[in-house]
C-alpha atoms as a PDB file:
ATOM      1  CA  UNK A   1    -119.060  11.402  49.138  1.00  0.00           C
ATOM      2  CA  UNK A   2    -117.228   8.873  46.989  1.00  0.00           C
ATOM      3  CA  UNK A   3    -116.591  11.532  44.352  1.00  0.00           C
ATOM      4  CA  UNK A   4    -115.175  13.919  46.925  1.00  0.00           C
ATOM      5  CA  UNK A   5    -112.799  11.263  48.270  1.00  0.00           C
ATOM      6  CA  UNK A   6    -111.688  10.356  44.756  1.00  0.00           C
ATOM      7  CA  UNK A   7    -110.997  13.958  43.925  1.00  0.00           C
ATOM      8  CA  UNK A   8    -109.177  14.401  47.182  1.00  0.00           C
ATOM      9  CA  UNK A   9    -107.118  11.294  46.514  1.00  0.00           C
ATOM     10  CA  UNK A  10    -106.304  12.481  43.012  1.00  0.00           C
ATOM     11  CA  UNK A  11    -105.342  15.891  44.371  1.00  0.00           C
ATOM     12  CA  UNK A  12    -103.073  14.271  46.957  1.00  0.00           C
ATOM     13  CA  UNK A  13    -101.339  12.225  44.269  1.00  0.00           C
ATOM     14  CA  UNK A  14    -100.721  15.340  42.224  1.00  0.00           C
ATOM     15  CA  UNK A  15     -99.349  17.119  45.269  1.00  0.00           C
ATOM     16  CA  UNK A  16     -97.054  14.192  46.019  1.00  0.00           C
ATOM     17  CA  UNK A  17     -95.782  14.141  42.434  1.00  0.00           C
ATOM     18  CA  UNK A  18     -95.103  17.874  42.606  1.00  0.00           C
ATOM     19  CA  UNK A  19     -93.229  17.479  45.889  1.00  0.00           C
ATOM     20  CA  UNK A  20     -91.120  14.653  44.448  1.00  0.00           C
ATOM     21  CA  UNK A  21     -90.301  16.728  41.368  1.00  0.00           C
ATOM     22  CA  UNK A  22     -89.352  19.710  43.536  1.00  0.00           C
ATOM     23  CA  UNK A  23     -87.104  17.515  45.687  1.00  0.00           C
ATOM     24  CA  UNK A  24     -85.419  16.082  42.593  1.00  0.00           C
ATOM     25  CA  UNK A  25     -84.862  19.555  41.141  1.00  0.00           C
ATOM     26  CA  UNK A  26     -83.445  20.810  44.431  1.00  0.00           C
ATOM     27  CA  UNK A  27     -81.124  17.802  44.662  1.00  0.00           C
ATOM     28  CA  UNK A  28     -79.889  18.428  41.123  1.00  0.00           C
ATOM     29  CA  UNK A  29     -79.331  22.115  41.915  1.00  0.00           C
ATOM     30  CA  UNK A  30     -77.406  21.310  45.111  1.00  0.00           C
ATOM     31  CA  UNK A  31     -75.304  18.738  43.265  1.00  0.00           C
ATOM     32  CA  UNK A  32     -74.498  21.243  40.533  1.00  0.00           C
ATOM     33  CA  UNK A  33     -73.529  23.905  43.052  1.00  0.00           C
ATOM     34  CA  UNK A  34     -71.411  21.379  44.944  1.00  0.00           C
ATOM     35  CA  UNK A  35     -69.499  20.363  41.839  1.00  0.00           C
ATOM     36  CA  UNK A  36     -68.873  23.985  40.896  1.00  0.00           C
ATOM     37  CA  UNK A  37     -67.990  25.188  44.376  1.00  0.00           C
ATOM     38  CA  UNK A  38     -66.314  22.200  45.988  1.00  0.00           C
ATOM     39  CA  UNK A  39     -62.815  23.623  45.440  1.00  0.00           C
ATOM     40  CA  UNK A  40     -63.832  26.841  47.152  1.00  0.00           C
ATOM     41  CA  UNK A  41     -65.432  24.873  49.953  1.00  0.00           C
ATOM     42  CA  UNK A  42     -62.279  22.853  50.462  1.00  0.00           C
ATOM     43  CA  UNK A  43     -60.219  26.018  50.589  1.00  0.00           C
ATOM     44  CA  UNK A  44     -62.525  27.560  53.199  1.00  0.00           C
ATOM     45  CA  UNK A  45     -63.023  24.572  55.483  1.00  0.00           C
ATOM     46  CA  UNK A  46     -59.756  22.624  55.110  1.00  0.00           C
ATOM     47  CA  UNK A  47     -57.753  24.874  57.484  1.00  0.00           C
ATOM     48  CA  UNK A  48     -60.422  24.509  60.171  1.00  0.00           C
ATOM     49  CA  UNK A  49     -60.503  20.748  59.793  1.00  0.00           C
ATOM     50  CA  UNK A  50     -56.713  20.453  59.634  1.00  0.00           C
ATOM     51  CA  UNK A  51     -56.023  22.458  62.774  1.00  0.00           C
ATOM     52  CA  UNK A  52     -58.712  20.530  64.632  1.00  0.00           C
ATOM     53  CA  UNK A  53     -56.590  17.422  64.246  1.00  0.00           C
ATOM     54  CA  UNK A  54     -53.320  16.623  65.989  1.00  0.00           C
ATOM     55  CA  UNK A  55     -50.596  18.423  64.030  1.00  0.00           C
ATOM     56  CA  UNK A  56     -48.339  15.373  63.324  1.00  0.00           C
ATOM     57  CA  UNK A  57     -51.231  13.642  61.521  1.00  0.00           C
ATOM     58  CA  UNK A  58     -51.532  16.392  58.884  1.00  0.00           C
ATOM     59  CA  UNK A  59     -50.882  15.023  55.417  1.00  0.00           C
ATOM     60  CA  UNK A  60     -48.378  16.915  53.286  1.00  0.00           C
ATOM     61  CA  UNK A  61     -50.932  17.177  50.478  1.00  0.00           C
ATOM     62  CA  UNK A  62     -53.392  18.875  52.845  1.00  0.00           C
ATOM     63  CA  UNK A  63     -50.838  21.431  54.036  1.00  0.00           C
ATOM     64  CA  UNK A  64     -51.558  23.699  51.069  1.00  0.00           C
ATOM     65  CA  UNK A  65     -54.841  24.616  52.775  1.00  0.00           C
ATOM     66  CA  UNK A  66     -53.075  25.930  55.886  1.00  0.00           C
ATOM     67  CA  UNK A  67     -51.938  29.493  56.328  1.00  0.00           C
ATOM     68  CA  UNK A  68     -48.222  30.106  56.799  1.00  0.00           C
ATOM     69  CA  UNK A  69     -47.515  31.199  60.363  1.00  0.00           C
ATOM     70  CA  UNK A  70     -44.344  32.160  62.199  1.00  0.00           C
ATOM     71  CA  UNK A  71     -43.356  29.613  64.827  1.00  0.00           C
ATOM     72  CA  UNK A  72     -42.969  31.356  68.172  1.00  0.00           C
ATOM     73  CA  UNK A  73     -41.460  28.189  69.663  1.00  0.00           C
ATOM     74  CA  UNK A  74     -38.674  27.998  67.088  1.00  0.00           C
ATOM     75  CA  UNK A  75     -38.144  31.760  67.289  1.00  0.00           C
ATOM     76  CA  UNK A  76     -37.675  31.582  71.079  1.00  0.00           C
ATOM     77  CA  UNK A  77     -35.368  28.570  70.805  1.00  0.00           C
ATOM     78  CA  UNK A  78     -33.116  30.269  68.231  1.00  0.00           C
ATOM     79  CA  UNK A  79     -33.017  33.391  70.402  1.00  0.00           C
ATOM     80  CA  UNK A  80     -31.810  31.291  73.358  1.00  0.00           C
ATOM     81  CA  UNK A  81     -29.207  29.516  71.212  1.00  0.00           C
ATOM     82  CA  UNK A  82     -27.927  32.850  69.920  1.00  0.00           C
ATOM     83  CA  UNK A  83     -27.557  34.240  73.423  1.00  0.00           C
ATOM     84  CA  UNK A  84     -25.627  31.201  74.619  1.00  0.00           C
ATOM     85  CA  UNK A  85     -23.260  31.088  71.632  1.00  0.00           C
ATOM     86  CA  UNK A  86     -22.486  34.729  70.892  1.00  0.00           C
ATOM     87  CA  UNK A  87     -24.504  34.752  67.678  1.00  0.00           C
ATOM     88  CA  UNK A  88     -25.839  37.966  66.188  1.00  0.00           C
ATOM     89  CA  UNK A  89     -26.890  39.635  62.958  1.00  0.00           C
ATOM     90  CA  UNK A  90     -23.304  39.919  61.739  1.00  0.00           C
ATOM     91  CA  UNK A  91     -22.344  36.243  62.096  1.00  0.00           C
ATOM     92  CA  UNK A  92     -25.516  34.161  61.956  1.00  0.00           C
ATOM     93  CA  UNK A  93     -28.436  33.383  59.674  1.00  0.00           C
ATOM     94  CA  UNK A  94     -31.170  30.763  59.860  1.00  0.00           C
ATOM     95  CA  UNK A  95     -34.279  29.468  58.173  1.00  0.00           C
ATOM     96  CA  UNK A  96     -36.834  26.835  59.141  1.00  0.00           C
ATOM     97  CA  UNK A  97     -39.988  25.667  57.381  1.00  0.00           C
ATOM     98  CA  UNK A  98     -42.302  22.810  58.302  1.00  0.00           C
ATOM     99  CA  UNK A  99     -43.796  21.398  55.105  1.00  0.00           C
ATOM    100  CA  UNK A 100     -46.672  19.730  56.978  1.00  0.00           C
ATOM    101  CA  UNK A 101     -47.860  22.652  59.112  1.00  0.00           C
ATOM    102  CA  UNK A 102     -46.448  25.577  57.090  1.00  0.00           C
ATOM    103  CA  UNK A 103     -44.884  27.030  60.225  1.00  0.00           C
ATOM    104  CA  UNK A 104     -41.663  28.960  59.614  1.00  0.00           C
ATOM    105  CA  UNK A 105     -39.003  31.075  61.210  1.00  0.00           C
ATOM    106  CA  UNK A 106     -36.305  33.147  59.477  1.00  0.00           C
ATOM    107  CA  UNK A 107     -33.464  35.082  61.030  1.00  0.00           C
ATOM    108  CA  UNK A 108     -31.301  37.450  58.982  1.00  0.00           C
ATOM    109  CA  UNK A 109     -32.810  36.072  55.781  1.00  0.00           C
ATOM    110  CA  UNK A 110     -31.423  38.839  53.537  1.00  0.00           C
ATOM    111  CA  UNK A 111     -27.901  38.863  54.986  1.00  0.00           C
ATOM    112  CA  UNK A 112     -25.293  37.839  52.412  1.00  0.00           C
ATOM    113  CA  UNK A 113     -22.689  35.264  53.372  1.00  0.00           C
ATOM    114  CA  UNK A 114     -19.923  33.749  51.263  1.00  0.00           C
ATOM    115  CA  UNK A 115     -21.765  30.722  49.859  1.00  0.00           C
ATOM    116  CA  UNK A 116     -18.776  28.369  49.679  1.00  0.00           C
ATOM    117  CA  UNK A 117     -19.881  24.913  48.555  1.00  0.00           C
ATOM    118  CA  UNK A 118     -23.586  25.466  49.274  1.00  0.00           C
ATOM    119  CA  UNK A 119     -23.789  26.873  45.742  1.00  0.00           C
ATOM    120  CA  UNK A 120     -23.158  23.393  44.355  1.00  0.00           C
ATOM    121  CA  UNK A 121     -26.816  22.449  44.826  1.00  0.00           C
ATOM    122  CA  UNK A 122     -28.321  25.061  42.450  1.00  0.00           C
ATOM    123  CA  UNK A 123     -25.405  24.478  40.025  1.00  0.00           C
ATOM    124  CA  UNK A 124     -26.307  20.772  39.923  1.00  0.00           C
ATOM    125  CA  UNK A 125     -29.993  21.665  39.541  1.00  0.00           C
ATOM    126  CA  UNK A 126     -29.199  23.621  36.369  1.00  0.00           C
ATOM    127  CA  UNK A 127     -27.684  20.517  34.808  1.00  0.00           C
ATOM    128  CA  UNK A 128     -30.469  18.195  35.901  1.00  0.00           C
ATOM    129  CA  UNK A 129     -32.855  20.677  34.269  1.00  0.00           C
ATOM    130  CA  UNK A 130     -30.885  20.257  31.037  1.00  0.00           C
ATOM    131  CA  UNK A 131     -30.937  16.463  31.360  1.00  0.00           C
ATOM    132  CA  UNK A 132     -34.687  16.453  31.999  1.00  0.00           C
ATOM    133  CA  UNK A 133     -35.222  18.699  28.981  1.00  0.00           C
ATOM    134  CA  UNK A 134     -33.223  16.317  26.784  1.00  0.00           C
ATOM    135  CA  UNK A 135     -30.560  18.920  26.036  1.00  0.00           C
ATOM    136  CA  UNK A 136     -27.781  16.722  27.416  1.00  0.00           C
ATOM    137  CA  UNK A 137     -27.332  13.152  28.626  1.00  0.00           C
ATOM    138  CA  UNK A 138     -25.586  11.965  31.784  1.00  0.00           C
ATOM    139  CA  UNK A 139     -23.268  10.020  29.493  1.00  0.00           C
ATOM    140  CA  UNK A 140     -22.176  13.171  27.663  1.00  0.00           C
ATOM    141  CA  UNK A 141     -18.848  14.630  28.721  1.00  0.00           C
ATOM    142  CA  UNK A 142     -17.218  17.941  29.540  1.00  0.00           C
ATOM    143  CA  UNK A 143     -13.602  18.879  28.954  1.00  0.00           C
ATOM    144  CA  UNK A 144     -11.493  19.277  32.093  1.00  0.00           C
ATOM    145  CA  UNK A 145      -9.496  22.451  31.479  1.00  0.00           C
ATOM    146  CA  UNK A 146      -6.390  23.051  33.555  1.00  0.00           C
ATOM    147  CA  UNK A 147      -7.727  26.260  35.133  1.00  0.00           C
ATOM    148  CA  UNK A 148     -10.591  24.263  36.688  1.00  0.00           C
ATOM    149  CA  UNK A 149      -8.335  22.462  39.159  1.00  0.00           C
ATOM    150  CA  UNK A 150      -8.881  23.276  42.832  1.00  0.00           C
ATOM    151  CA  UNK A 151      -7.555  21.295  45.776  1.00  0.00           C
ATOM    152  CA  UNK A 152     -10.038  19.279  47.790  1.00  0.00           C
ATOM    153  CA  UNK A 153     -11.799  15.949  48.018  1.00  0.00           C
ATOM    154  CA  UNK A 154     -13.468  13.966  45.247  1.00  0.00           C
ATOM    155  CA  UNK A 155     -12.607  11.673  42.353  1.00  0.00           C
ATOM    156  CA  UNK A 156     -12.437  14.416  39.747  1.00  0.00           C
ATOM    157  CA  UNK A 157      -9.783  16.286  41.709  1.00  0.00           C
ATOM    158  CA  UNK A 158      -7.783  13.183  42.665  1.00  0.00           C
ATOM    159  CA  UNK A 159      -8.135  10.821  39.707  1.00  0.00           C
ATOM    160  CA  UNK A 160      -8.663  12.866  36.555  1.00  0.00           C
ATOM    161  CA  UNK A 161      -6.122  14.981  34.714  1.00  0.00           C
ATOM    162  CA  UNK A 162      -6.550  18.190  32.775  1.00  0.00           C
ATOM    163  CA  UNK A 163      -7.446  17.381  29.177  1.00  0.00           C
ATOM    164  CA  UNK A 164      -9.744  14.512  30.193  1.00  0.00           C
ATOM    165  CA  UNK A 165     -13.370  14.415  29.173  1.00  0.00           C
ATOM    166  CA  UNK A 166     -15.528  13.603  32.196  1.00  0.00           C
ATOM    167  CA  UNK A 167     -19.128  12.307  32.067  1.00  0.00           C
ATOM    168  CA  UNK A 168     -21.832  14.504  33.578  1.00  0.00           C
ATOM    169  CA  UNK A 169     -22.827  11.546  35.760  1.00  0.00           C
ATOM    170  CA  UNK A 170     -19.409  11.642  37.464  1.00  0.00           C
ATOM    171  CA  UNK A 171     -19.304  15.422  37.774  1.00  0.00           C
ATOM    172  CA  UNK A 172     -22.814  15.630  39.250  1.00  0.00           C
ATOM    173  CA  UNK A 173     -22.150  12.829  41.725  1.00  0.00           C
ATOM    174  CA  UNK A 174     -18.784  14.109  42.921  1.00  0.00           C
ATOM    175  CA  UNK A 175     -19.816  17.748  43.200  1.00  0.00           C
ATOM    176  CA  UNK A 176     -22.434  16.770  45.809  1.00  0.00           C
ATOM    177  CA  UNK A 177     -21.328  13.552  47.501  1.00  0.00           C
ATOM    178  CA  UNK A 178     -17.679  14.583  47.945  1.00  0.00           C
ATOM    179  CA  UNK A 179     -18.065  18.335  47.402  1.00  0.00           C
ATOM    180  CA  UNK A 180     -15.517  18.143  44.598  1.00  0.00           C
ATOM    181  CA  UNK A 181     -14.290  21.681  43.854  1.00  0.00           C
ATOM    182  CA  UNK A 182     -12.738  20.806  40.516  1.00  0.00           C
ATOM    183  CA  UNK A 183     -15.978  19.199  39.346  1.00  0.00           C
ATOM    184  CA  UNK A 184     -17.851  22.337  40.369  1.00  0.00           C
ATOM    185  CA  UNK A 185     -15.416  24.565  38.484  1.00  0.00           C
ATOM    186  CA  UNK A 186     -15.819  22.457  35.340  1.00  0.00           C
ATOM    187  CA  UNK A 187     -19.616  22.699  35.564  1.00  0.00           C
ATOM    188  CA  UNK A 188     -19.583  26.451  36.195  1.00  0.00           C
ATOM    189  CA  UNK A 189     -16.897  27.054  33.565  1.00  0.00           C
ATOM    190  CA  UNK A 190     -19.077  25.384  30.959  1.00  0.00           C
ATOM    191  CA  UNK A 191     -21.818  27.960  31.587  1.00  0.00           C
ATOM    192  CA  UNK A 192     -19.710  30.971  32.500  1.00  0.00           C
ATOM    193  CA  UNK A 193     -19.607  32.647  35.916  1.00  0.00           C
ATOM    194  CA  UNK A 194     -21.810  35.626  35.125  1.00  0.00           C
ATOM    195  CA  UNK A 195     -24.376  33.542  33.270  1.00  0.00           C
ATOM    196  CA  UNK A 196     -24.642  30.841  35.916  1.00  0.00           C
ATOM    197  CA  UNK A 197     -25.358  33.459  38.599  1.00  0.00           C
ATOM    198  CA  UNK A 198     -28.283  34.729  36.560  1.00  0.00           C
ATOM    199  CA  UNK A 199     -29.394  31.171  35.799  1.00  0.00           C
ATOM    200  CA  UNK A 200     -29.577  30.025  39.431  1.00  0.00           C
ATOM    201  CA  UNK A 201     -31.609  33.141  40.303  1.00  0.00           C
ATOM    202  CA  UNK A 202     -34.584  31.468  38.597  1.00  0.00           C
ATOM    203  CA  UNK A 203     -35.079  29.259  41.651  1.00  0.00           C
ATOM    204  CA  UNK A 204     -36.080  32.314  43.697  1.00  0.00           C
ATOM    205  CA  UNK A 205     -38.679  35.046  43.296  1.00  0.00           C
ATOM    206  CA  UNK A 206     -36.972  37.463  45.669  1.00  0.00           C
ATOM    207  CA  UNK A 207     -35.083  40.556  44.598  1.00  0.00           C
ATOM    208  CA  UNK A 208     -31.372  39.797  44.586  1.00  0.00           C
ATOM    209  CA  UNK A 209     -28.713  42.499  44.737  1.00  0.00           C
ATOM    210  CA  UNK A 210     -25.816  43.152  42.389  1.00  0.00           C
ATOM    211  CA  UNK A 211     -23.627  41.494  45.031  1.00  0.00           C
ATOM    212  CA  UNK A 212     -25.404  38.223  44.373  1.00  0.00           C
ATOM    213  CA  UNK A 213     -24.855  38.413  40.627  1.00  0.00           C
ATOM    214  CA  UNK A 214     -21.236  39.431  40.938  1.00  0.00           C
ATOM    215  CA  UNK A 215     -19.815  36.987  43.463  1.00  0.00           C
ATOM    216  CA  UNK A 216     -20.329  33.602  45.096  1.00  0.00           C
ATOM    217  CA  UNK A 217     -22.605  34.691  47.919  1.00  0.00           C
ATOM    218  CA  UNK A 218     -25.908  33.487  49.278  1.00  0.00           C
ATOM    219  CA  UNK A 219     -28.415  34.490  51.939  1.00  0.00           C
ATOM    220  CA  UNK A 220     -30.751  32.331  54.032  1.00  0.00           C
ATOM    221  CA  UNK A 221     -33.737  33.607  52.062  1.00  0.00           C
ATOM    222  CA  UNK A 222     -32.307  32.599  48.699  1.00  0.00           C
ATOM    223  CA  UNK A 223     -31.116  29.239  50.039  1.00  0.00           C
ATOM    224  CA  UNK A 224     -34.608  28.598  51.429  1.00  0.00           C
ATOM    225  CA  UNK A 225     -36.126  29.349  48.023  1.00  0.00           C
ATOM    226  CA  UNK A 226     -33.700  26.917  46.358  1.00  0.00           C
ATOM    227  CA  UNK A 227     -34.346  24.048  48.741  1.00  0.00           C
ATOM    228  CA  UNK A 228     -38.114  24.635  48.681  1.00  0.00           C
ATOM    229  CA  UNK A 229     -38.041  24.530  44.877  1.00  0.00           C
ATOM    230  CA  UNK A 230     -35.986  21.356  45.102  1.00  0.00           C
ATOM    231  CA  UNK A 231     -38.504  19.771  47.459  1.00  0.00           C
ATOM    232  CA  UNK A 232     -41.546  20.804  45.408  1.00  0.00           C
ATOM    233  CA  UNK A 233     -39.937  19.325  42.262  1.00  0.00           C
ATOM    234  CA  UNK A 234     -38.457  16.241  43.935  1.00  0.00           C
ATOM    235  CA  UNK A 235     -39.458  13.984  41.051  1.00  0.00           C
ATOM    236  CA  UNK A 236     -37.183  15.974  38.742  1.00  0.00           C
ATOM    237  CA  UNK A 237     -34.169  15.750  41.065  1.00  0.00           C
ATOM    238  CA  UNK A 238     -34.277  12.210  42.466  1.00  0.00           C
ATOM    239  CA  UNK A 239     -30.588  11.562  41.789  1.00  0.00           C
ATOM    240  CA  UNK A 240     -29.542  14.899  43.251  1.00  0.00           C
ATOM    241  CA  UNK A 241     -31.552  14.272  46.428  1.00  0.00           C
ATOM    242  CA  UNK A 242     -30.071  10.784  46.701  1.00  0.00           C
ATOM    243  CA  UNK A 243     -26.564  12.241  46.447  1.00  0.00           C
ATOM    244  CA  UNK A 244     -27.390  14.928  49.024  1.00  0.00           C
ATOM    245  CA  UNK A 245     -28.452  12.212  51.462  1.00  0.00           C
ATOM    246  CA  UNK A 246     -25.032  10.577  51.022  1.00  0.00           C
ATOM    247  CA  UNK A 247     -22.997  13.753  51.422  1.00  0.00           C
ATOM    248  CA  UNK A 248     -20.958  14.787  54.471  1.00  0.00           C
ATOM    249  CA  UNK A 249     -20.968  11.300  55.988  1.00  0.00           C
ATOM    250  CA  UNK A 250     -22.980  12.060  59.111  1.00  0.00           C
ATOM    251  CA  UNK A 251     -21.760  15.587  59.801  1.00  0.00           C
ATOM    252  CA  UNK A 252     -23.403  19.009  60.090  1.00  0.00           C
ATOM    253  CA  UNK A 253     -27.239  18.869  60.166  1.00  0.00           C
ATOM    254  CA  UNK A 254     -27.050  15.091  59.808  1.00  0.00           C
ATOM    255  CA  UNK A 255     -24.765  14.439  62.794  1.00  0.00           C
ATOM    256  CA  UNK A 256     -27.280  14.145  65.648  1.00  0.00           C
ATOM    257  CA  UNK A 257     -30.358  13.137  63.675  1.00  0.00           C
ATOM    258  CA  UNK A 258     -31.455   9.571  62.953  1.00  0.00           C
ATOM    259  CA  UNK A 259     -33.482  10.704  59.951  1.00  0.00           C
ATOM    260  CA  UNK A 260     -32.581  11.005  56.287  1.00  0.00           C
ATOM    261  CA  UNK A 261     -31.180  14.461  55.601  1.00  0.00           C
ATOM    262  CA  UNK A 262     -30.641  15.668  52.026  1.00  0.00           C
ATOM    263  CA  UNK A 263     -28.210  18.534  52.582  1.00  0.00           C
ATOM    264  CA  UNK A 264     -25.125  20.396  51.415  1.00  0.00           C
ATOM    265  CA  UNK A 265     -22.565  22.083  53.632  1.00  0.00           C
ATOM    266  CA  UNK A 266     -20.180  24.867  52.718  1.00  0.00           C
ATOM    267  CA  UNK A 267     -16.950  25.913  54.434  1.00  0.00           C
ATOM    268  CA  UNK A 268     -14.557  28.637  53.299  1.00  0.00           C
ATOM    269  CA  UNK A 269     -12.603  31.423  54.986  1.00  0.00           C
ATOM    270  CA  UNK A 270     -14.449  31.241  58.292  1.00  0.00           C
ATOM    271  CA  UNK A 271     -17.869  30.827  56.704  1.00  0.00           C
ATOM    272  CA  UNK A 272     -19.490  27.497  57.608  1.00  0.00           C
ATOM    273  CA  UNK A 273     -23.055  26.647  56.572  1.00  0.00           C
ATOM    274  CA  UNK A 274     -25.408  23.761  55.962  1.00  0.00           C
ATOM    275  CA  UNK A 275     -28.918  23.553  54.525  1.00  0.00           C
ATOM    276  CA  UNK A 276     -31.317  20.973  53.193  1.00  0.00           C
ATOM    277  CA  UNK A 277     -34.361  18.790  53.762  1.00  0.00           C
ATOM    278  CA  UNK A 278     -34.879  16.795  56.972  1.00  0.00           C
ATOM    279  CA  UNK A 279     -37.229  13.819  56.522  1.00  0.00           C
ATOM    280  CA  UNK A 280     -38.375  13.438  60.138  1.00  0.00           C
ATOM    281  CA  UNK A 281     -41.793  12.647  61.595  1.00  0.00           C
ATOM    282  CA  UNK A 282     -42.701  15.630  59.485  1.00  0.00           C
ATOM    283  CA  UNK A 283     -40.636  17.202  56.712  1.00  0.00           C
ATOM    284  CA  UNK A 284     -38.520  20.258  57.445  1.00  0.00           C
ATOM    285  CA  UNK A 285     -36.470  22.675  55.391  1.00  0.00           C
ATOM    286  CA  UNK A 286     -33.603  24.109  57.409  1.00  0.00           C
ATOM    287  CA  UNK A 287     -30.495  26.180  56.909  1.00  0.00           C
ATOM    288  CA  UNK A 288     -27.825  27.475  59.311  1.00  0.00           C
ATOM    289  CA  UNK A 289     -25.262  30.122  58.260  1.00  0.00           C
ATOM    290  CA  UNK A 290     -22.257  31.155  60.361  1.00  0.00           C
ATOM    291  CA  UNK A 291     -19.212  33.394  60.108  1.00  0.00           C
ATOM    292  CA  UNK A 292     -16.110  33.001  62.273  1.00  0.00           C
ATOM    293  CA  UNK A 293     -17.813  30.812  64.881  1.00  0.00           C
ATOM    294  CA  UNK A 294     -15.742  28.314  66.868  1.00  0.00           C
ATOM    295  CA  UNK A 295     -16.648  24.674  66.212  1.00  0.00           C
ATOM    296  CA  UNK A 296     -19.330  25.725  63.746  1.00  0.00           C
ATOM    297  CA  UNK A 297     -20.065  22.195  62.361  1.00  0.00           C
ATOM    298  CA  UNK A 298     -20.982  20.949  65.850  1.00  0.00           C
ATOM    299  CA  UNK A 299     -23.062  24.046  66.546  1.00  0.00           C
ATOM    300  CA  UNK A 300     -24.954  23.525  63.278  1.00  0.00           C
ATOM    301  CA  UNK A 301     -25.600  19.897  64.233  1.00  0.00           C
ATOM    302  CA  UNK A 302     -26.811  20.955  67.673  1.00  0.00           C
ATOM    303  CA  UNK A 303     -29.176  23.578  66.264  1.00  0.00           C
ATOM    304  CA  UNK A 304     -30.672  21.058  63.865  1.00  0.00           C
ATOM    305  CA  UNK A 305     -31.235  18.530  66.648  1.00  0.00           C
ATOM    306  CA  UNK A 306     -32.721  21.035  69.071  1.00  0.00           C
ATOM    307  CA  UNK A 307     -35.152  22.455  66.523  1.00  0.00           C
ATOM    308  CA  UNK A 308     -36.364  19.042  65.365  1.00  0.00           C
ATOM    309  CA  UNK A 309     -36.753  17.797  68.953  1.00  0.00           C
ATOM    310  CA  UNK A 310     -38.740  20.909  69.852  1.00  0.00           C
ATOM    311  CA  UNK A 311     -41.097  20.566  66.900  1.00  0.00           C
ATOM    312  CA  UNK A 312     -41.569  16.852  67.451  1.00  0.00           C
ATOM    313  CA  UNK A 313     -42.113  17.274  71.174  1.00  0.00           C
ATOM    314  CA  UNK A 314     -39.132  15.249  72.324  1.00  0.00           C
END
């Protein structure tokens, strides 16, 4: 009897050791699979987890796991605004994108409008790219040729004379903060009109027509691509974004909002636009494009306010 119990005890110990070894091996296998598959798991389950939470609490870094969806609320609001203000496909364009939730709405995104001064943002981006690459310094200068003069606001237009050499730092500040036309012409002239049109196309993956490459036009889709690129590479354009927040002195998209708005308006020959980044409770990319609309700056401000209030539930 003692021998039987001893054998049984020994057998039980062996069984226990085997079970422990199996558990350890299984744990190691699970850990290995987890390490290898955790990125896939995050991609699969993050959208479910994110949408289960209250939308305003979504972290920007987590938004990459959400699917892009068209916002029916914004779509309906823009439709109402268009009806009330005589807006249609020939005189109006719009884009909206919520960075946090990846909700969007575009209207007339491929319609070309005269860009006016909205082009100054991608022009400035080209030069900040050169500065970041070490090709030029902000202290370097460009020659102010007489054919670059164009009436308007800004220090370059009002204080400098043809033949002067102007630092990039001044040109890049004035072209955004005061929408200085002469500064913009100097910057574009240094690259060449045809070349700069091809150069700014790099900020978009969409197919752009010959009209885009041959004249100063834009469309809501291209402008959205530019401002989204700007947002995604904010660290490379800190000075540009700072200048965009200072521009327009509380007008256009900035007029009715108490948030920081990094934006750039454009106004020429009946075309009045504004686009940029709104740093609200969440972060929004927005652009409004108009043609021959009465009191367009106020309408743009109103649209910006209404859309942000709708999204933020106010």
